[in-house]
Amino acid sequence: MTQDTQAKRTSTADAASHVSGSFALLVMAVFLAGAASLVYEIVWIRQLGLSLGSTAVAFSVMLSAFLGGLALGGWYMGRRSDLAPFPSMTLVRIEVAAAALGVLSIPALAVVGRAYVLIAITTSGDPLVSLGLRSLVALMVMLAPATLFGMTFPLATVIGGKLVGAQKAAGTVAAASSFGSAAGALLAGLWFEPAYGLFTSAAIGAGFNVVAASCALLVHQWAGIHIGALATASAPAGASE
C-alpha cells in the first residue's frame, strides 16, 4: 500500500510538473503571437502610407482593419473555443495561417498601391473614389490576418483554463498578449523595419507565429496525457478499486 501511495504521489508530481511546463509554453505562444501582431501593424502602416499616399488615411484604414479583425476573431472563437475537441491544435492552425497571411499581406498591399493607375482610369480620375477603393481593398487584405489574431486570446484562455484554472489563465494570458504586443511594436519600429525593410520585417513576424505554433503543438502533445494523469492520480482511492 505504501509503495502504491508513493507511486501515486510521484505520478501526481510528474503530471503537475508537465502541466506547469505546458502552461509556460502556452504563455510563450501567446507572447509571440502578440509580438507578431504588432510587427504586422507597424509594417502595415508603413506600406499603406506608400500605397495610399496619406499617413492619416493609412493609419485610419490599418486601425479599422486591426481592431475590426480582433473583434471578429474574438467574437467568433469566443463562441466556439469550448466546443473545439483539441483547442491546442486549433491554435496551431491559427498561428500557421496567421504567419502565411501576415507575410503575404505586404506584397498584397504593394499591389494595391501599384494598381492606382488602373483604379484611376476605372473611376475616371476621381481622387476621392480612387482613394476609397484602394482603402477598401487594403482593408480587406488586412482584415483576414487580424481576425486570426483575435482568435488567439479566447482560445488560449480556454486551453490555459484546463491547465491551471480559468482565473489564473485569463490574467496570465492577457498579460502575455499585452507584453508581447509592446515588445513587437518596439522591435518593429526601432529595429526590424529600419534595418531590414517591410517584407523582411513581416517575415520575422511570421517567424514569431511559427514558433508560437510550435509551442502550441508541444502543449497539445504534453497536456492531454498529463492532465489525464493528474485526474487519475487525484481520484479517491476507492474509485479505482
Protein backbone atom coordinates (compact mmCIF):
# COMPACT_ATOMS: atom_id res chain seq x y z
CA MET A 1 0.00 0.00 0.00
CA THR A 2 2.88 2.32 0.87
CA GLN A 3 4.50 1.68 -2.50
CA ASP A 4 1.20 2.35 -4.24
CA THR A 5 0.82 5.63 -2.36
CA GLN A 6 4.38 6.69 -3.18
CA ALA A 7 3.91 5.81 -6.84
CA LYS A 8 0.67 7.78 -6.89
CA ARG A 9 2.39 10.83 -5.37
CA THR A 10 5.24 10.57 -7.87
CA SER A 11 2.78 10.34 -10.74
CA THR A 12 0.92 13.37 -9.42
CA ALA A 13 4.13 15.39 -9.09
CA ASP A 14 5.29 14.45 -12.59
CA ALA A 15 1.92 15.30 -14.08
CA ALA A 16 1.78 18.64 -12.25
CA SER A 17 5.28 19.47 -13.48
CA HIS A 18 4.39 18.75 -17.09
CA VAL A 19 1.14 20.70 -16.83
CA SER A 20 3.10 23.70 -15.49
CA GLY A 21 5.53 23.33 -18.36
CA SER A 22 2.66 23.16 -20.83
CA PHE A 23 1.17 26.35 -19.41
CA ALA A 24 4.54 28.10 -19.67
CA LEU A 25 4.71 27.08 -23.34
CA LEU A 26 1.18 28.38 -23.86
CA VAL A 27 2.15 31.72 -22.32
CA MET A 28 5.17 31.88 -24.63
CA ALA A 29 2.95 31.16 -27.63
CA VAL A 30 0.60 33.99 -26.66
CA PHE A 31 3.54 36.37 -26.10
CA LEU A 32 4.97 35.60 -29.54
CA ALA A 33 1.56 35.87 -31.21
CA GLY A 34 1.06 39.29 -29.62
CA ALA A 35 4.52 40.39 -30.74
CA ALA A 36 3.83 39.21 -34.30
CA SER A 37 0.54 41.09 -34.49
CA LEU A 38 2.19 44.41 -33.64
CA VAL A 39 5.07 43.76 -36.04
CA TYR A 40 2.47 43.41 -38.78
CA GLU A 41 0.66 46.52 -37.58
CA ILE A 42 3.82 48.64 -37.84
CA VAL A 43 4.75 47.40 -41.30
CA TRP A 44 1.14 47.77 -42.46
CA ILE A 45 1.19 51.44 -41.55
CA ARG A 46 4.44 51.94 -43.48
CA GLN A 47 3.22 50.05 -46.54
CA LEU A 48 -0.18 51.72 -46.54
CA GLY A 49 1.49 55.12 -46.42
CA LEU A 50 3.23 54.19 -49.66
CA SER A 51 0.14 52.61 -51.22
CA LEU A 52 -2.43 55.22 -50.24
CA GLY A 53 -0.21 58.29 -50.27
CA SER A 54 -1.55 59.60 -46.96
CA THR A 55 -0.29 58.74 -43.49
CA ALA A 56 -3.54 59.78 -41.82
CA VAL A 57 -5.66 57.64 -44.16
CA ALA A 58 -3.18 54.77 -43.84
CA PHE A 59 -3.38 54.84 -40.06
CA SER A 60 -7.19 55.01 -40.10
CA VAL A 61 -7.50 52.09 -42.52
CA MET A 62 -4.96 49.99 -40.62
CA LEU A 63 -6.58 50.68 -37.25
CA SER A 64 -10.04 49.87 -38.60
CA ALA A 65 -8.84 46.57 -40.04
CA PHE A 66 -6.79 45.64 -36.98
CA LEU A 67 -9.40 46.40 -34.33
CA GLY A 68 -12.23 45.09 -36.51
CA GLY A 69 -10.35 41.85 -37.08
CA LEU A 70 -9.58 41.46 -33.37
CA ALA A 71 -13.26 41.95 -32.57
CA LEU A 72 -14.43 39.48 -35.23
CA GLY A 73 -11.89 36.85 -34.22
CA GLY A 74 -12.62 37.22 -30.54
CA TRP A 75 -16.37 37.06 -31.11
CA TYR A 76 -16.18 34.01 -33.35
CA MET A 77 -13.70 31.99 -31.28
CA GLY A 78 -15.28 33.07 -28.01
CA ARG A 79 -18.43 31.25 -29.08
CA ARG A 80 -16.63 28.15 -30.36
CA SER A 81 -13.49 27.63 -28.30
CA ASP A 82 -15.27 25.49 -25.70
CA LEU A 83 -16.58 23.26 -28.49
CA ALA A 84 -13.18 22.52 -30.05
CA PRO A 85 -12.18 18.90 -29.25
CA PHE A 86 -8.48 19.78 -29.42
CA PRO A 87 -8.18 23.56 -28.84
CA SER A 88 -4.37 23.48 -28.79
CA MET A 89 -4.33 22.03 -32.32
CA THR A 90 -6.79 24.71 -33.38
CA LEU A 91 -4.31 27.26 -32.02
CA VAL A 92 -1.53 25.63 -34.05
CA ARG A 93 -3.55 26.01 -37.24
CA ILE A 94 -4.45 29.62 -36.43
CA GLU A 95 -0.81 30.60 -35.89
CA VAL A 96 0.35 28.91 -39.09
CA ALA A 97 -2.42 30.62 -41.07
CA ALA A 98 -1.57 33.97 -39.44
CA ALA A 99 2.07 33.53 -40.48
CA ALA A 100 1.11 32.84 -44.09
CA LEU A 101 -1.40 35.69 -44.39
CA GLY A 102 0.78 38.11 -42.45
CA VAL A 103 3.83 37.73 -44.66
CA LEU A 104 1.73 37.80 -47.84
CA SER A 105 -0.08 40.96 -46.76
CA ILE A 106 2.91 43.17 -47.60
CA PRO A 107 3.17 42.26 -51.30
CA ALA A 108 -0.64 42.32 -51.46
CA LEU A 109 -0.73 45.87 -50.11
CA ALA A 110 2.06 46.83 -52.51
CA VAL A 111 -0.10 45.56 -55.38
CA VAL A 112 -2.90 47.80 -54.12
CA GLY A 113 -0.56 50.76 -54.49
CA ARG A 114 0.60 49.76 -57.97
CA ALA A 115 -3.00 49.32 -59.06
CA TYR A 116 -3.54 53.05 -58.57
CA VAL A 117 -3.32 53.84 -62.28
CA LEU A 118 -5.85 51.16 -63.22
CA ILE A 119 -8.22 52.29 -60.46
CA ALA A 120 -7.83 55.93 -61.51
CA ILE A 121 -8.74 55.05 -65.10
CA THR A 122 -11.73 52.98 -63.96
CA THR A 123 -13.02 55.78 -61.75
CA SER A 124 -12.44 58.48 -64.39
CA GLY A 125 -9.67 60.01 -62.35
CA ASP A 126 -11.81 60.96 -59.31
CA PRO A 127 -9.22 61.05 -56.48
CA LEU A 128 -11.74 60.51 -53.67
CA VAL A 129 -13.29 57.45 -55.32
CA SER A 130 -9.84 56.09 -56.16
CA LEU A 131 -8.66 56.55 -52.57
CA GLY A 132 -11.84 54.96 -51.26
CA LEU A 133 -11.46 51.90 -53.47
CA ARG A 134 -7.80 51.46 -52.58
CA SER A 135 -8.64 51.83 -48.89
CA LEU A 136 -11.39 49.23 -49.17
CA VAL A 137 -9.12 46.71 -50.87
CA ALA A 138 -6.37 47.33 -48.31
CA LEU A 139 -8.90 46.89 -45.52
CA MET A 140 -9.91 43.51 -46.90
CA VAL A 141 -6.27 42.42 -47.20
CA MET A 142 -5.57 43.16 -43.53
CA LEU A 143 -8.88 42.01 -42.09
CA ALA A 144 -8.22 38.28 -42.57
CA PRO A 145 -4.94 38.07 -40.62
CA ALA A 146 -6.27 40.48 -37.98
CA THR A 147 -9.26 38.17 -37.46
CA LEU A 148 -6.86 35.29 -36.82
CA PHE A 149 -5.02 37.45 -34.26
CA GLY A 150 -8.32 37.98 -32.46
CA MET A 151 -8.94 34.23 -32.20
CA THR A 152 -5.76 33.65 -30.19
CA PHE A 153 -6.81 35.16 -26.86
CA PRO A 154 -10.11 33.34 -26.22
CA LEU A 155 -8.67 30.05 -27.44
CA ALA A 156 -5.53 30.34 -25.30
CA THR A 157 -7.67 31.27 -22.29
CA VAL A 158 -9.71 28.09 -22.69
CA ILE A 159 -6.55 25.97 -23.03
CA GLY A 160 -4.99 27.65 -20.01
CA GLY A 161 -8.16 27.20 -18.00
CA LYS A 162 -7.92 23.45 -18.50
CA LEU A 163 -4.32 23.53 -17.31
CA VAL A 164 -4.29 25.90 -14.32
CA GLY A 165 -7.84 27.15 -13.86
CA ALA A 166 -9.82 29.86 -15.61
CA GLN A 167 -8.99 32.79 -13.30
CA LYS A 168 -5.21 32.36 -13.39
CA ALA A 169 -5.26 31.56 -17.10
CA ALA A 170 -7.26 34.65 -18.08
CA GLY A 171 -4.98 37.07 -16.24
CA THR A 172 -1.73 35.46 -17.37
CA VAL A 173 -2.80 35.11 -21.00
CA ALA A 174 -3.95 38.74 -21.11
CA ALA A 175 -0.65 39.92 -19.62
CA ALA A 176 1.41 37.80 -22.01
CA SER A 177 -0.52 39.16 -25.00
CA SER A 178 -0.05 42.77 -23.87
CA PHE A 179 3.65 42.38 -23.11
CA GLY A 180 4.17 40.63 -26.43
CA SER A 181 2.37 43.42 -28.28
CA ALA A 182 4.52 46.04 -26.57
CA ALA A 183 7.70 44.14 -27.43
CA GLY A 184 6.62 43.65 -31.04
CA ALA A 185 5.81 47.32 -31.54
CA LEU A 186 9.15 48.36 -30.05
CA LEU A 187 11.21 45.87 -32.06
CA ALA A 188 9.43 46.55 -35.35
CA GLY A 189 9.56 50.33 -35.08
CA LEU A 190 13.10 50.71 -33.79
CA TRP A 191 14.91 47.73 -35.28
CA PHE A 192 13.21 45.44 -37.81
CA GLU A 193 11.68 47.96 -40.22
CA PRO A 194 14.58 50.46 -40.29
CA ALA A 195 17.21 47.72 -40.56
CA TYR A 196 15.56 45.08 -42.75
CA GLY A 197 12.66 46.71 -44.60
CA LEU A 198 8.98 45.90 -44.75
CA PHE A 199 8.86 42.40 -46.24
CA THR A 200 11.66 41.02 -44.07
CA SER A 201 10.04 42.56 -41.01
CA ALA A 202 6.78 40.82 -41.89
CA ALA A 203 8.72 37.59 -42.39
CA ILE A 204 10.17 37.97 -38.88
CA GLY A 205 6.63 38.42 -37.59
CA ALA A 206 5.65 35.24 -39.43
CA GLY A 207 8.58 33.51 -37.75
CA PHE A 208 7.14 34.53 -34.38
CA ASN A 209 3.84 32.96 -35.40
CA VAL A 210 5.54 29.73 -36.47
CA VAL A 211 7.40 29.46 -33.16
CA ALA A 212 4.10 30.15 -31.37
CA ALA A 213 2.53 27.30 -33.37
CA SER A 214 5.40 25.02 -32.33
CA CYS A 215 4.80 25.89 -28.67
CA ALA A 216 1.09 25.16 -29.06
CA LEU A 217 1.90 21.82 -30.69
CA LEU A 218 4.06 20.86 -27.70
CA VAL A 219 1.20 21.86 -25.40
CA HIS A 220 -1.06 19.53 -27.38
CA GLN A 221 1.43 16.67 -27.12
CA TRP A 222 2.07 17.09 -23.39
CA ALA A 223 -1.06 18.48 -21.84
CA GLY A 224 -3.64 15.82 -22.70
CA ILE A 225 -1.58 12.97 -21.30
CA HIS A 226 -0.62 14.68 -18.07
CA ILE A 227 -3.96 16.34 -17.37
CA GLY A 228 -5.40 12.84 -17.56
CA ALA A 229 -2.67 11.59 -15.22
CA LEU A 230 -3.47 14.35 -12.76
CA ALA A 231 -7.15 13.49 -12.82
CA THR A 232 -6.43 9.78 -12.26
CA ALA A 233 -3.90 10.41 -9.51
CA SER A 234 -6.18 12.81 -7.65
CA ALA A 235 -9.19 10.49 -7.82
CA PRO A 236 -10.29 8.88 -4.50
CA ALA A 237 -8.61 5.57 -3.78
CA GLY A 238 -11.92 3.76 -3.62
CA ALA A 239 -12.80 4.91 -7.14
CA SER A 240 -10.10 2.75 -8.69
CA GLU A 241 -10.82 -0.35 -6.69
